[in-house]
Protein backbone atom coordinates (compact mmCIF):
# COMPACT_ATOMS: atom_id res chain seq x y z
CA MET A 1 126.46 173.85 85.59
CA THR A 2 125.26 177.16 84.73
CA GLY A 3 128.21 179.79 83.93
CA GLY A 4 128.48 182.54 87.04
CA THR A 5 127.22 180.34 89.60
CA ASN A 6 128.68 181.12 93.14
CA VAL A 7 130.34 178.07 93.92
CA SER A 8 129.59 178.78 97.34
CA SER A 9 126.08 178.84 96.89
CA ILE A 10 125.62 175.90 95.12
CA LYS A 11 123.89 172.79 97.18
CA LYS A 12 125.73 169.37 97.54
CA VAL A 13 123.54 166.62 97.82
CA ILE A 14 124.41 162.87 98.60
CA VAL A 15 121.96 159.96 97.14
CA VAL A 16 122.65 156.65 98.48
CA GLY A 17 121.43 154.12 96.06
CA SER A 18 121.01 154.05 92.45
CA GLY A 19 117.72 152.32 91.65
CA ILE A 20 114.96 153.77 89.75
CA ALA A 21 113.96 156.58 92.41
CA ALA A 22 117.67 157.84 92.82
CA LEU A 23 117.78 158.25 89.24
CA SER A 24 114.50 159.88 88.64
CA PHE A 25 115.82 162.28 91.61
CA ALA A 26 119.09 162.93 90.05
CA LYS A 27 117.50 163.35 86.41
CA THR A 28 114.95 166.23 88.10
CA ILE A 29 117.25 167.94 90.40
CA SER A 30 118.56 171.41 89.47
CA ASP A 31 121.85 171.53 87.72
CA ASN A 32 122.78 174.12 90.34
CA CYS A 33 123.10 170.99 92.76
CA GLN A 34 125.99 168.95 93.05
CA VAL A 35 124.96 165.49 93.45
CA ILE A 36 126.92 162.57 94.76
CA MET A 37 125.38 159.44 94.17
CA MET A 38 127.11 156.47 96.28
CA THR A 39 126.16 152.70 96.11
CA LYS A 40 127.76 150.07 97.92
CA ASN A 41 128.07 147.73 94.69
CA LYS A 42 127.84 148.43 91.19
CA LEU A 43 125.12 151.02 89.81
CA THR A 44 123.37 147.93 88.58
CA SER A 45 122.90 146.16 91.55
CA SER A 46 119.55 147.41 92.67
CA ASN A 47 115.89 145.87 92.66
CA SER A 48 114.81 148.19 89.81
CA VAL A 49 117.32 146.45 87.33
CA LEU A 50 115.58 143.31 88.31
CA ALA A 51 111.92 144.41 87.84
CA GLN A 52 110.54 142.16 84.99
CA GLY A 53 106.96 143.62 85.27
CA GLY A 54 106.04 146.99 84.13
CA ILE A 55 104.80 150.19 85.29
CA ALA A 56 101.30 150.93 86.16
CA ALA A 57 99.45 154.36 84.57
CA ALA A 58 96.03 154.65 83.49
CA PHE A 59 96.32 155.19 79.67
CA SER A 60 93.90 153.24 78.41
CA ALA A 61 90.48 154.55 77.20
CA ARG A 62 88.87 152.11 79.28
CA ASP A 63 90.47 153.19 82.42
CA SER A 64 90.97 156.01 84.64
CA ILE A 65 92.68 157.70 87.49
CA GLU A 66 89.66 157.07 89.61
CA GLN A 67 89.83 153.11 88.76
CA HIS A 68 93.76 153.16 89.38
CA VAL A 69 93.19 154.79 92.85
CA TYR A 70 90.60 152.27 93.37
CA ASP A 71 92.35 149.29 92.58
CA THR A 72 95.26 150.42 94.85
CA LEU A 73 92.87 150.90 97.82
CA ILE A 74 91.19 147.50 97.51
CA ALA A 75 94.84 145.36 97.21
CA GLY A 76 95.99 147.65 99.88
CA CYS A 77 93.05 146.28 102.86
CA ASP A 78 92.08 149.93 103.50
CA HIS A 79 95.50 150.88 104.96
CA ASN A 80 96.51 153.29 102.34
CA ASP A 81 96.79 157.13 102.67
CA ASN A 82 93.89 157.80 100.23
CA ARG A 83 95.20 161.35 99.45
CA THR A 84 98.46 160.21 99.00
CA VAL A 85 97.40 157.39 96.46
CA ARG A 86 95.52 159.66 94.12
CA GLU A 87 97.97 162.71 94.44
CA MET A 88 101.03 159.94 93.47
CA LEU A 89 99.25 158.01 90.57
CA GLN A 90 97.80 161.18 88.78
CA LEU A 91 101.76 162.48 89.08
CA GLY A 92 102.98 159.22 87.87
CA LYS A 93 100.55 159.09 84.84
CA GLU A 94 102.22 162.73 83.81
CA LEU A 95 105.81 161.34 84.44
CA VAL A 96 105.16 158.09 82.53
CA TYR A 97 103.94 160.33 79.88
CA GLN A 98 106.80 162.52 79.99
CA LEU A 99 109.25 159.52 79.53
CA ILE A 100 107.28 158.34 76.41
CA GLU A 101 107.79 161.62 74.94
CA GLU A 102 111.25 161.79 75.79
CA GLY A 103 112.21 158.36 73.94
CA CYS A 104 111.84 155.71 76.56
CA PRO A 105 111.46 152.50 74.36
CA PHE A 106 108.19 151.11 75.90
CA ASP A 107 107.17 148.35 74.12
CA CYS A 108 104.29 149.41 71.56
CA ASP A 109 101.28 148.01 69.64
CA ASP A 110 101.24 147.85 65.54
CA TRP A 111 100.19 151.55 65.59
CA GLY A 112 102.79 152.78 67.86
CA ARG A 113 100.67 153.12 71.33
CA PRO A 114 102.46 151.73 74.33
CA HIS A 115 101.06 148.24 74.72
CA LEU A 116 99.05 147.62 77.91
CA GLY A 117 99.33 144.68 79.59
CA LYS A 118 97.27 143.17 82.57
CA GLU A 119 98.86 142.16 85.92
CA GLY A 120 97.05 140.91 89.35
CA ALA A 121 94.42 143.07 91.31
CA HIS A 122 94.17 145.30 87.89
CA VAL A 123 90.96 145.33 86.80
CA THR A 124 91.91 146.44 83.06
CA GLU A 125 94.93 146.37 81.14
CA ARG A 126 97.35 149.30 82.36
CA ILE A 127 101.04 147.74 82.60
CA LEU A 128 103.78 149.25 80.35
CA HIS A 129 106.70 147.02 79.84
CA ALA A 130 109.83 147.55 78.12
CA GLY A 131 111.92 144.52 76.38
CA GLY A 132 109.16 142.35 77.05
CA ASP A 133 110.41 141.62 80.73
CA GLN A 134 113.12 143.80 80.96
CA THR A 135 111.35 146.96 82.21
CA GLY A 136 113.34 147.70 85.14
CA GLN A 137 116.53 147.53 83.33
CA ILE A 138 115.62 149.49 80.49
CA LEU A 139 114.33 152.13 82.49
CA VAL A 140 117.44 152.33 84.66
CA GLN A 141 119.53 152.61 81.41
CA PHE A 142 117.27 155.61 79.93
CA LEU A 143 117.17 157.43 83.36
CA LYS A 144 121.09 157.42 83.68
CA SER A 145 121.65 158.52 79.84
CA GLN A 146 120.07 161.57 80.79
CA LEU A 147 122.05 162.70 83.85
CA GLY A 148 123.74 165.84 83.57
CA SER A 149 127.52 166.43 84.28
CA HIS A 150 126.70 167.69 88.00
CA ILE A 151 125.44 164.30 88.76
CA GLN A 152 129.02 162.09 89.90
CA LEU A 153 128.55 158.22 90.46
CA TYR A 154 130.54 156.61 93.00
CA GLU A 155 130.36 152.63 93.04
CA HIS A 156 131.89 150.36 95.75
CA HIS A 157 131.16 153.59 98.03
CA HIS A 158 129.12 152.10 101.25
CA VAL A 159 127.37 154.57 103.11
CA ILE A 160 127.45 152.89 107.03
CA ASP A 161 125.94 155.89 108.82
CA LEU A 162 124.29 159.46 108.86
CA MET A 163 125.97 162.39 110.63
CA VAL A 164 123.34 164.30 112.64
CA GLN A 165 123.44 167.38 114.67
CA ASP A 166 120.66 169.56 116.01
CA GLN A 167 118.41 167.07 114.61
CA THR A 168 119.50 167.81 111.13
CA CYS A 169 121.23 165.33 108.69
CA ARG A 170 124.95 167.13 107.80
CA GLY A 171 126.18 164.24 105.70
CA VAL A 172 127.31 160.83 105.81
CA VAL A 173 129.89 158.03 107.18
CA TYR A 174 131.30 155.88 104.54
CA LYS A 175 133.89 152.92 103.65
CA ASP A 176 135.45 153.38 100.06
CA GLN A 177 136.44 150.69 97.85
CA ASN A 178 139.26 150.07 100.08
CA GLY A 179 137.85 149.52 103.26
CA GLN A 180 138.77 153.22 104.66
CA VAL A 181 136.46 155.11 106.62
CA HIS A 182 135.51 158.85 105.57
CA THR A 183 132.88 161.42 106.25
CA MET A 184 130.95 163.95 103.72
CA THR A 185 128.81 166.74 104.59
CA ALA A 186 125.91 168.00 102.38
CA ASP A 187 123.15 169.91 102.39
CA ALA A 188 120.54 166.89 102.14
CA VAL A 189 120.95 163.06 102.02
CA VAL A 190 118.42 161.17 100.06
CA LEU A 191 118.10 157.64 101.33
CA SER A 192 116.94 155.16 98.10
CA THR A 193 118.61 152.05 99.37
CA GLY A 194 115.79 149.71 98.80
CA GLY A 195 114.00 147.39 101.60
CA CYS A 196 115.15 144.10 103.19
CA GLY A 197 114.53 140.97 101.07
CA ASP A 198 117.48 139.24 102.06
CA LEU A 199 116.14 138.76 105.39
CA TYR A 200 114.45 135.89 103.92
CA GLU A 201 115.79 132.37 102.40
CA THR A 202 113.64 132.77 99.10
CA ASN A 203 113.32 136.12 97.65
CA THR A 204 113.15 138.22 94.44
CA ASN A 205 115.78 140.83 95.60
CA ASP A 206 119.16 141.89 94.72
CA SER A 207 121.54 140.45 97.18
CA SER A 208 122.86 144.04 98.29
CA VAL A 209 119.11 144.79 99.75
CA THR A 210 119.80 144.38 103.36
CA GLY A 211 117.96 146.91 105.03
CA ASP A 212 120.72 149.25 105.65
CA GLY A 213 119.12 152.71 104.65
CA LEU A 214 116.30 151.66 106.94
CA MET A 215 118.42 151.40 110.21
CA MET A 216 120.66 154.22 109.30
CA ALA A 217 117.71 156.63 109.23
CA TYR A 218 116.32 154.91 112.45
CA ARG A 219 119.54 155.39 114.39
CA ALA A 220 119.45 159.07 112.97
CA GLY A 221 115.99 159.44 114.75
CA ALA A 222 113.90 158.76 111.67
CA GLN A 223 110.53 156.96 112.08
CA LEU A 224 109.92 153.52 110.76
CA VAL A 225 106.55 152.39 110.30
CA ASP A 226 104.27 149.32 108.43
CA LEU A 227 107.38 146.81 109.02
CA GLU A 228 105.11 144.02 109.60
CA PHE A 229 103.59 144.32 106.12
CA VAL A 230 105.73 142.20 103.71
CA GLN A 231 104.89 141.18 100.39
CA PHE A 232 105.75 137.66 98.76
CA HIS A 233 105.49 137.20 95.06
CA PRO A 234 103.55 133.88 94.43
CA THR A 235 105.86 133.01 91.27
CA LEU A 236 109.49 132.32 91.87
CA LEU A 237 111.01 129.69 89.52
CA THR A 238 111.95 127.12 92.21
CA ILE A 239 113.81 123.84 91.81
CA GLY A 240 114.62 121.78 94.31
CA GLY A 241 113.76 124.36 97.18
CA LYS A 242 116.37 127.02 95.53
CA ALA A 243 114.73 130.05 93.73
CA MET A 244 116.33 130.41 90.64
CA GLY A 245 114.35 133.92 89.50
CA LEU A 246 111.00 135.66 89.47
CA ILE A 247 108.37 134.91 86.78
CA SER A 248 106.79 138.14 86.29
CA GLU A 249 103.14 138.59 87.24
CA ALA A 250 102.71 139.53 83.71
CA VAL A 251 102.79 135.95 82.50
CA ARG A 252 99.60 135.42 84.53
CA GLY A 253 98.28 138.40 83.01
CA GLU A 254 98.76 136.99 79.69
CA GLY A 255 96.67 133.78 80.50
CA ALA A 256 98.88 131.47 82.59
CA TYR A 257 97.78 129.67 85.44
CA LEU A 258 98.76 128.20 88.83
CA GLU A 259 98.24 124.10 89.20
CA ASP A 260 99.14 121.39 91.40
CA GLU A 261 101.06 118.18 90.21
CA THR A 262 97.51 116.96 89.03
CA GLY A 263 96.68 119.49 87.21
CA ARG A 264 93.99 121.28 89.52
CA ARG A 265 94.11 124.47 89.30
CA ILE A 266 94.76 125.95 92.53
CA MET A 267 92.75 129.36 92.39
CA THR A 268 89.75 128.25 91.20
CA GLY A 269 86.86 129.49 93.52
CA VAL A 270 89.18 131.06 95.91
CA HIS A 271 88.84 134.53 94.53
CA PRO A 272 86.55 136.14 91.65
CA LEU A 273 90.07 137.25 90.01
CA GLU A 274 91.46 133.93 90.67
CA ASP A 275 94.74 133.54 89.25
CA LEU A 276 94.94 137.61 89.37
CA ALA A 277 93.98 137.81 92.74
CA PRO A 278 96.17 140.04 94.99
CA ARG A 279 99.57 138.88 95.80
CA ASP A 280 98.91 138.17 99.48
CA ILE A 281 96.04 136.03 98.83
CA VAL A 282 97.69 134.04 95.93
CA SER A 283 100.74 133.47 97.92
CA ARG A 284 98.51 132.03 101.31
CA VAL A 285 97.00 129.72 98.93
CA MET A 286 100.58 128.48 97.57
CA PHE A 287 101.82 128.02 100.84
CA HIS A 288 98.61 126.24 102.21
CA GLU A 289 98.85 123.93 99.30
CA GLN A 290 102.54 123.03 99.79
CA GLN A 291 102.02 122.38 103.61
CA LEU A 292 99.63 119.99 102.14
CA GLY A 293 102.38 118.22 100.13
CA HIS A 294 101.52 119.58 96.66
CA SER A 295 104.07 120.89 94.12
CA ILE A 296 102.58 123.98 92.25
CA PHE A 297 103.17 124.65 88.77
CA LEU A 298 102.51 127.96 86.51
CA ASN A 299 101.00 126.57 83.46
CA ILE A 300 102.00 128.60 80.45
CA LYS A 301 100.12 126.88 77.60
CA ASN A 302 97.67 129.60 77.10
CA VAL A 303 100.59 132.48 76.55
CA PRO A 304 100.97 132.90 72.89
CA HIS A 305 104.83 133.50 71.92
CA PHE A 306 105.95 132.64 75.36
CA SER A 307 109.50 133.13 74.44
CA THR A 308 109.00 135.86 72.48
CA ARG A 309 106.89 137.63 74.84
CA PHE A 310 109.31 136.84 77.99
CA PRO A 311 112.79 136.35 76.62
CA SER A 312 114.42 136.98 80.00
CA ILE A 313 112.27 134.62 81.78
CA SER A 314 112.70 132.15 78.90
CA ALA A 315 116.44 132.40 79.11
CA ARG A 316 116.19 131.57 82.99
CA CYS A 317 114.43 128.18 82.59
CA HIS A 318 116.82 127.27 79.84
CA GLN A 319 119.44 128.05 82.15
CA ALA A 320 117.69 125.98 85.02
CA GLY A 321 117.45 122.94 82.47
CA ILE A 322 113.25 123.73 82.29
CA ASP A 323 112.16 123.01 78.65
CA VAL A 324 109.43 125.95 78.09
CA GLU A 325 107.80 123.99 75.75
CA ASN A 326 106.44 121.59 78.40
CA ASN A 327 104.24 124.44 79.48
CA ARG A 328 105.02 123.95 83.40
CA LEU A 329 107.06 125.88 85.20
CA PRO A 330 107.90 124.81 89.12
CA VAL A 331 106.99 127.99 91.23
CA SER A 332 107.23 129.12 94.94
CA PRO A 333 106.35 132.22 96.73
CA GLY A 334 109.41 134.66 97.76
CA MET A 335 109.89 137.89 99.53
CA HIS A 336 109.27 140.65 97.11
CA PHE A 337 108.71 143.96 98.90
CA LEU A 338 108.43 145.92 102.00
CA MET A 339 105.26 147.83 102.35
CA GLY A 340 106.63 149.84 105.37
CA GLY A 341 110.03 151.72 105.66
CA ILE A 342 111.07 155.34 106.83
CA LYS A 343 107.93 157.18 106.96
CA VAL A 344 107.67 160.33 104.64
CA ASN A 345 105.44 162.38 103.05
CA VAL A 346 104.85 162.65 99.44
CA HIS A 347 107.91 164.68 98.99
CA GLY A 348 110.21 162.16 100.66
CA GLU A 349 110.57 164.35 103.53
CA THR A 350 111.50 162.41 107.19
CA ASN A 351 111.05 164.14 110.38
CA VAL A 352 114.75 164.44 110.71
CA GLU A 353 115.32 168.04 108.78
CA SER A 354 117.48 167.50 105.40
CA LEU A 355 116.91 163.85 105.13
CA PHE A 356 115.09 162.20 102.64
CA ALA A 357 113.77 158.60 101.69
CA ILE A 358 112.44 157.37 98.61
CA GLY A 359 111.41 154.11 96.50
CA GLU A 360 110.97 151.23 98.53
CA ALA A 361 113.19 152.42 101.49
CA ALA A 362 110.23 154.90 102.17
CA CYS A 363 106.80 154.62 103.43
CA THR A 364 104.58 157.28 101.73
CA GLY A 365 100.85 155.15 102.44
CA LEU A 366 100.87 154.56 98.67
CA HIS A 367 100.77 150.74 99.29
CA GLY A 368 98.81 150.36 102.17
CA ALA A 369 98.90 146.66 103.53
CA ASN A 370 99.89 145.15 100.14
CA ARG A 371 101.31 146.50 97.01
CA LEU A 372 99.33 146.74 93.71
CA ALA A 373 101.55 145.03 91.23
CA SER A 374 103.69 147.54 89.13
CA ASN A 375 102.67 150.40 91.25
CA SER A 376 106.52 150.26 92.55
CA LEU A 377 108.69 151.71 89.60
CA LEU A 378 105.73 154.43 89.68
CA GLU A 379 106.41 155.51 93.19
CA GLY A 380 110.27 155.69 92.65
CA LEU A 381 109.73 157.90 89.51
CA VAL A 382 107.37 160.28 91.77
CA LEU A 383 109.10 160.15 95.21
CA GLY A 384 112.38 160.74 93.24
CA TYR A 385 110.83 163.76 91.17
CA ASN A 386 108.71 165.04 94.27
CA ALA A 387 112.19 164.92 96.85
CA ALA A 388 114.24 166.71 93.73
CA GLN A 389 111.70 169.37 93.52
CA ARG A 390 111.70 170.06 97.19
CA VAL A 391 115.52 169.92 97.57
CA ASN A 392 115.67 172.64 94.70
CA LEU A 393 113.60 174.90 96.99
CA MET A 394 115.64 174.30 100.07
CA GLU A 395 118.14 176.88 101.53
CA LYS A 396 121.70 175.84 101.66
CA GLN A 397 122.85 174.54 105.03
CA HIS A 398 125.52 176.47 107.02
CA GLU A 399 128.73 175.31 106.90
CA VAL A 400 129.41 172.89 109.48
CA SER A 401 132.62 170.48 110.37
CA PRO A 402 131.69 167.52 112.01
CA SER A 403 134.15 165.02 112.77
CA LEU A 404 134.29 161.30 112.81
CA PRO A 405 134.46 159.66 116.19
CA LEU A 406 137.35 157.28 115.92
CA GLN A 407 136.39 155.34 118.97
CA GLU A 408 132.63 154.59 117.35
CA VAL A 409 131.94 150.87 117.80
CA TRP A 410 129.34 148.87 116.38
CA ALA A 411 127.48 145.87 117.97
CA VAL A 412 127.62 142.63 115.62
CA PRO A 413 125.51 139.78 116.58
CA ARG A 414 127.31 136.16 116.43
CA LEU A 415 124.76 134.71 113.85
CA SER A 416 125.43 133.96 110.18
CA GLU A 417 123.17 135.34 107.62
CA SER A 418 121.59 131.91 107.05
CA LYS A 419 120.30 131.19 110.39
CA LEU A 420 118.82 134.62 110.50
CA ARG A 421 116.98 133.88 107.04
CA ARG A 422 115.98 130.54 108.39
CA TRP A 423 114.47 131.99 111.68
CA MET A 424 112.58 134.84 109.73
CA THR A 425 111.40 132.57 106.80
CA THR A 426 110.23 129.98 109.49
CA ASP A 427 108.21 132.35 111.66
CA ALA A 428 107.61 135.83 110.07
CA ALA A 429 106.84 134.98 106.87
CA ILE A 430 103.49 134.43 104.97
CA VAL A 431 101.64 132.91 107.78
CA ARG A 432 102.59 134.12 111.50
CA ASP A 433 101.45 133.46 114.93
CA ASP A 434 101.86 134.68 118.60
CA LYS A 435 104.05 131.57 119.59
CA GLY A 436 106.10 131.59 116.44
CA LEU A 437 106.82 135.28 116.80
CA GLN A 438 107.75 135.19 120.59
CA THR A 439 109.88 132.60 119.59
CA LEU A 440 111.64 134.56 116.97
CA LEU A 441 111.78 137.60 119.11
CA LYS A 442 113.57 135.37 121.96
CA GLN A 443 115.91 133.88 119.45
CA LEU A 444 116.79 137.27 118.10
CA GLU A 445 117.20 139.22 121.39
CA SER A 446 119.10 136.64 122.97
CA VAL A 447 121.98 136.15 120.47
CA SER A 448 125.59 137.19 121.87
CA ILE A 449 127.20 140.62 120.72
CA GLN A 450 130.80 141.24 119.63
CA PHE A 451 131.57 144.85 119.61
CA ILE A 452 133.82 146.02 116.78
CA ASN A 453 135.15 149.48 115.76
CA VAL A 454 133.97 151.16 112.61
CA LYS A 455 137.52 151.12 110.92
CA ASP A 456 137.53 147.40 111.24
CA ILE A 457 134.18 146.78 110.66
CA THR A 458 133.62 144.63 107.65
CA LYS A 459 130.99 145.32 104.78
CA ARG A 460 129.39 141.97 105.70
CA GLN A 461 129.38 142.62 109.56
CA ILE A 462 127.58 146.03 108.98
CA GLU A 463 124.85 144.13 106.75
CA LEU A 464 124.60 141.62 109.37
CA SER A 465 124.01 144.06 111.92
CA ASN A 466 121.59 146.00 110.13
CA ARG A 467 119.46 143.00 109.28
CA TRP A 468 119.44 141.86 112.87
CA SER A 469 118.26 145.12 114.26
CA LEU A 470 115.65 145.11 111.39
CA ALA A 471 114.46 141.70 112.20
CA ILE A 472 113.92 142.70 115.99
CA CYS A 473 111.87 145.79 114.69
CA MET A 474 109.89 143.81 112.02
CA THR A 475 108.90 141.23 114.66
CA LYS A 476 107.74 143.16 117.44
CA SER A 477 105.59 144.98 114.51
CA ALA A 478 104.27 141.58 113.71
CA LEU A 479 103.30 140.67 117.47
CA LYS A 480 101.70 144.15 118.03
CA ARG A 481 99.19 143.83 115.16
CA THR A 482 96.73 141.43 116.40
CA GLU A 483 94.85 141.09 113.19
CA SER A 484 95.30 139.76 109.63
CA ARG A 485 95.29 142.69 106.77
CA GLY A 486 97.17 142.57 103.60
CA GLY A 487 100.88 140.81 103.58
CA HIS A 488 100.41 140.53 107.60
CA TYR A 489 98.72 137.21 108.29
CA ARG A 490 98.38 135.69 111.73
CA LYS A 491 96.43 132.51 112.00
CA ASP A 492 95.53 132.88 115.35
CA TYR A 493 93.98 136.38 114.46
CA PRO A 494 92.78 135.39 110.83
CA ASN A 495 90.63 138.14 110.41
CA ARG A 496 90.43 142.09 109.74
CA ASP A 497 89.84 144.06 112.56
CA ASP A 498 88.73 147.53 111.33
CA ALA A 499 86.85 148.83 114.31
CA PHE A 500 90.41 149.00 115.94
CA TRP A 501 93.29 148.68 113.61
CA ARG A 502 91.82 150.27 110.16
CA GLY A 503 94.67 153.04 109.10
CA LYS A 504 96.52 152.90 112.54
CA GLN A 505 100.62 152.35 111.79
CA ILE A 506 103.03 150.85 114.33
CA VAL A 507 105.69 153.25 114.53
CA HIS A 508 109.13 152.61 115.71
CA GLU A 509 110.70 155.76 117.08
CA LYS A 510 114.48 156.36 118.23
CA GLY A 511 115.96 159.38 119.91
CA CYS A 512 118.17 161.02 117.40
CA MET A 513 121.74 159.85 117.83
CA GLN A 514 124.49 162.30 117.73
CA VAL A 515 127.12 160.53 115.43
CA ILE A 516 129.47 163.53 115.09
CA LYS A 517 130.05 163.24 119.25
CA ASN A 518 132.66 160.95 120.34
CA GLU A 519 130.70 159.65 123.15
CA ARG A 520 128.64 157.68 121.14
CA ILE A 521 128.56 153.99 121.93
CA GLY A 522 127.96 151.57 119.36
CA ALA A 523 126.19 152.59 115.86
CA ASN A 524 123.69 149.33 116.26
CA TRP A 525 123.74 148.78 120.15
CA ASN A 526 119.92 148.79 121.47
CA VAL A 527 118.43 150.29 118.44
CA TYR A 528 115.08 148.90 118.54
CA SER A 529 112.12 150.17 120.52
């Protein structure tokens, strides 16, 4: 912190989460800001750390920003915000170059240039990796090493709600590592809490990713959009119906392909890019084949030096008792990424003053209806950087002294996490229809409720309440979009309807709840529109 700075003029910012977007924000924010970074588990409990795939940037002489934009729009099925795509991919390339200049250890070729890989729906090589298949983990470590003393990290601090006054976010309500409830005011709050992978039985997400940030923002009056667009990653290592971990799309980029138990290549003739088709297409083909009774394998015989190129995947296979020398890895699709989220602009600003959202929790319009592989880490870098630049320009808020509503109660469904995951996986996953979605909505809305005081509620109950509320919003979105586009496929409406649906978002809005007023009844009661 610079000497001579007036303490009363220092802005205080609370960042909820600890992934790439949060760390990019913390790296960029002025040292005249005091930043409190809270995460409900460990700093390393994030989807970013689990990211095996790389980060996309148009560095090749055969590539261009225009081509990267084109591939992103094609994958997004004409649901992207074109201007946002162009701006974010251009800035993203600059930020990746900056990381290289700063010494981030990306994998390089024999001439010291970043090695560029290829993944699904990219027409050329543009994926930078680190540690082979440990890009996210290495990026997190590198960004964390660059944080200044004005960044304070609080692990096992569970932010459970936002404090809002006059449609302005004033701070957060959180539980510390001992379960005690506290409030903390701030000039800005930044949500970087990820998506909602834990809503599904088979997923690639960290177990902490339960939709908390989305529902906190919703209760505060922020808009949620595009919740029907859920991306399933085609290749999760799966044994006996249980997912053992992700197998990066980069493996197919290096020459692996999908086949059934007979050796028949299942993507041949389905799409011009075959095994490197967009993820929504590959996942639906796999789902169809599995419905017919086939087992699906990833054949890696064409991948040179597999164990060296993909060390963490090889280690995971070994732990699962699979010999990679046999060249066949059993795979199945699993929930991977939520394209929708909290509606924000390119600076991460929501419609609630002083409330920002970045990373997967946010929806900028970059991904459209289906995210292009390796654009997520790039988006995290860009949105974290942009939000920090905007906060740097903000005026310090007037001091407020909101008090915690001690009689605040939460509505918690009498429902197990496993049952909720089973319902969502059955009726709101890769293939949907009206009958299944209506059944799901009826099940969700008919669950009995128990009311629990905020002082007594457990972390598990908070997460369950958020999951349940978000599941209702997602189901209603899927029912409203009567077409198929990207990650949203309805067998009763199997075609795209550009005449009506192109570019249209389904928005969930909730009037701003004054959490600092004692008359509030129920943090999660009747929160869905």
